[in-house]
Protein backbone atom coordinates (compact mmCIF):
# COMPACT_ATOMS: atom_id res chain seq x y z
CA UNK A 1 111.77 80.60 98.83
CA UNK A 2 109.11 79.60 96.29
CA UNK A 3 107.72 81.73 93.63
CA UNK A 4 104.47 82.27 95.47
CA UNK A 5 106.31 83.38 98.65
CA UNK A 6 107.81 86.36 97.16
CA UNK A 7 104.72 87.14 95.15
CA UNK A 8 102.80 86.97 98.54
CA UNK A 9 105.40 89.10 100.12
CA UNK A 10 105.22 91.84 97.61
CA UNK A 11 101.48 91.68 97.31
CA UNK A 12 101.47 92.42 101.28
CA UNK A 13 103.99 95.12 100.86
CA UNK A 14 102.13 96.92 97.91
CA UNK A 15 98.75 96.74 100.18
CA UNK A 16 100.62 98.15 103.01
CA UNK A 17 101.37 100.97 100.79
CA UNK A 18 98.17 102.26 100.64
CA UNK A 19 96.92 104.65 98.08
CA UNK A 20 100.41 106.30 97.90
CA UNK A 21 101.82 102.82 96.64
CA UNK A 22 105.44 101.75 96.52
CA UNK A 23 108.21 102.57 94.08
CA UNK A 24 108.90 99.70 91.67
CA UNK A 25 112.64 99.49 92.80
CA UNK A 26 111.48 99.12 96.33
CA UNK A 27 109.22 96.30 95.38
CA UNK A 28 112.07 94.53 93.40
CA UNK A 29 114.12 94.98 96.47
CA UNK A 30 111.32 93.35 98.74
CA UNK A 31 111.16 90.47 96.39
CA UNK A 32 114.74 89.59 97.40
CA UNK A 33 118.06 89.05 95.65
CA UNK A 34 117.37 85.71 93.98
CA UNK A 35 114.36 87.01 92.24
CA UNK A 36 115.05 88.59 88.80
CA UNK A 37 113.76 92.20 88.19
CA UNK A 38 112.11 90.95 85.11
CA UNK A 39 110.19 88.19 86.96
CA UNK A 40 108.90 91.03 89.48
CA UNK A 41 107.83 93.35 86.78
CA UNK A 42 106.10 90.61 84.92
CA UNK A 43 104.05 89.89 88.11
CA UNK A 44 103.32 93.53 88.48
CA UNK A 45 102.17 93.77 84.97
CA UNK A 46 100.11 90.61 85.57
CA UNK A 47 98.27 92.18 88.52
CA UNK A 48 97.72 95.44 86.47
CA UNK A 49 96.16 93.43 83.58
CA UNK A 50 93.79 92.10 86.32
CA UNK A 51 93.17 95.39 87.75
CA UNK A 52 94.69 94.57 91.06
CA UNK A 53 97.50 96.99 90.64
CA UNK A 54 97.97 100.23 89.05
CA UNK A 55 101.26 101.83 87.57
CA UNK A 56 102.25 105.65 87.64
CA UNK A 57 105.10 107.27 86.40
CA UNK A 58 106.30 109.96 88.69
CA UNK A 59 108.45 113.06 87.53
CA UNK A 60 112.09 111.76 87.00
CA UNK A 61 110.48 108.54 85.23
CA UNK A 62 110.08 106.96 88.71
CA UNK A 63 107.70 103.84 88.46
CA UNK A 64 105.37 103.84 91.32
CA UNK A 65 102.62 100.83 91.88
CA UNK A 66 99.73 100.79 94.16
CA UNK A 67 97.48 97.73 94.94
CA UNK A 68 93.57 98.42 94.20
CA UNK A 69 90.68 96.76 95.83
CA UNK A 70 90.62 94.00 93.50
CA UNK A 71 93.94 92.69 94.86
CA UNK A 72 92.30 91.41 98.01
CA UNK A 73 90.58 88.88 95.96
CA UNK A 74 93.98 86.88 95.91
CA UNK A 75 93.55 85.83 99.21
């Protein structure tokens, strides 16, 4: 799997998560075992910097991410 493949995979996963979003841990799992957690988090932060994703911290310090409408401009 190339870098682009896992990025597309988790982007779709986030879009499918709707306004509720997805837990960061679930996004990391979706990327696959060969992809480092730090690489996934760096990608999520890049999306957030481009206003294509938003991060929320839920009770219990659970990181939740959701896609914004801007993410559609990736495709």
